[in-house]
Protein backbone atom coordinates (compact mmCIF):
# COMPACT_ATOMS: atom_id res chain seq x y z
CA UNK A 1 -10.56 3.59 9.14
CA UNK A 2 -6.86 4.04 8.45
CA UNK A 3 -5.11 3.02 5.28
CA UNK A 4 -1.91 1.00 5.31
CA UNK A 5 1.09 1.92 3.18
CA UNK A 6 0.50 -1.11 0.96
CA UNK A 7 -3.14 -0.14 0.41
CA UNK A 8 -2.04 3.39 -0.52
CA UNK A 9 0.49 1.95 -2.97
CA UNK A 10 -2.20 -0.19 -4.58
CA UNK A 11 -4.31 2.91 -5.25
CA UNK A 12 -1.35 4.78 -6.72
CA UNK A 13 -0.42 1.92 -9.05
CA UNK A 14 -4.00 1.51 -10.22
CA UNK A 15 -4.19 5.25 -10.96
CA UNK A 16 -0.90 5.27 -12.86
CA UNK A 17 -1.22 1.99 -14.73
CA UNK A 18 -4.78 1.13 -15.67
CA UNK A 19 -4.82 -2.61 -16.23
CA UNK A 20 -7.80 -4.68 -17.31
CA UNK A 21 -8.84 -7.00 -14.46
CA UNK A 22 -8.49 -10.20 -16.52
CA UNK A 23 -5.01 -9.48 -17.86
CA UNK A 24 -1.99 -11.48 -16.78
CA UNK A 25 -0.39 -8.28 -15.49
CA UNK A 26 -3.41 -7.61 -13.26
CA UNK A 27 -3.34 -11.18 -11.92
CA UNK A 28 0.38 -10.92 -11.12
CA UNK A 29 -0.13 -7.54 -9.45
CA UNK A 30 -2.95 -8.93 -7.31
CA UNK A 31 -0.75 -11.82 -6.18
CA UNK A 32 2.18 -9.55 -5.31
CA UNK A 33 -0.15 -7.08 -3.60
CA UNK A 34 -1.70 -9.77 -1.37
CA UNK A 35 1.78 -11.01 -0.43
CA UNK A 36 2.86 -7.45 0.46
CA UNK A 37 -0.25 -6.95 2.62
CA UNK A 38 0.52 -10.17 4.51
CA UNK A 39 4.15 -9.13 5.07
CA UNK A 40 3.09 -5.66 6.21
CA UNK A 41 0.61 -7.13 8.70
CA UNK A 42 3.30 -9.44 10.11
CA UNK A 43 5.61 -6.44 10.56
CA UNK A 44 2.83 -4.50 12.30
CA UNK A 45 2.14 -7.45 14.60
CA UNK A 46 5.81 -7.71 15.54
CA UNK A 47 6.00 -3.97 16.26
CA UNK A 48 2.78 -4.13 18.28
CA UNK A 49 4.17 -6.84 20.57
CA UNK A 50 7.59 -5.21 20.85
CA UNK A 51 5.97 -1.91 21.76
CA UNK A 52 3.78 -3.48 24.39
CA UNK A 53 6.19 -5.94 25.99
CA UNK A 54 5.56 -4.33 29.39
CA UNK A 55 1.87 -5.24 29.12
CA UNK A 56 0.28 -8.65 29.06
CA UNK A 57 -1.04 -9.14 25.50
CA UNK A 58 -2.07 -12.22 23.65
CA UNK A 59 -2.38 -12.67 19.89
CA UNK A 60 -6.09 -11.89 20.05
CA UNK A 61 -5.24 -8.38 21.23
CA UNK A 62 -3.29 -7.60 18.07
CA UNK A 63 -5.95 -9.09 15.82
CA UNK A 64 -8.59 -6.98 17.55
CA UNK A 65 -6.43 -3.85 17.25
CA UNK A 66 -5.72 -4.54 13.55
CA UNK A 67 -9.37 -5.14 12.66
CA UNK A 68 -10.52 -2.03 14.54
CA UNK A 69 -7.81 0.14 12.99
CA UNK A 70 -7.61 -1.20 9.43
CA UNK A 71 -10.84 -3.19 9.15
CA UNK A 72 -11.68 -6.52 7.56
CA UNK A 73 -9.40 -9.49 6.98
CA UNK A 74 -6.29 -7.82 5.68
């Protein structure tokens, strides 16, 4: 399974700044991280449809591609 840029960044930040899970900083990071993942997925979806405008695709096609490539509900 591939790793997105935002997922890579999460790993780097966790390695650089160890933060206890219950801290306010960790909660804020988690919120910002989830927002970044959502924005990244929207950008990927837009690029997917722009890159395949000569084919007939529906939204289900992107969701299937995303899950197969990046896994889970990201």
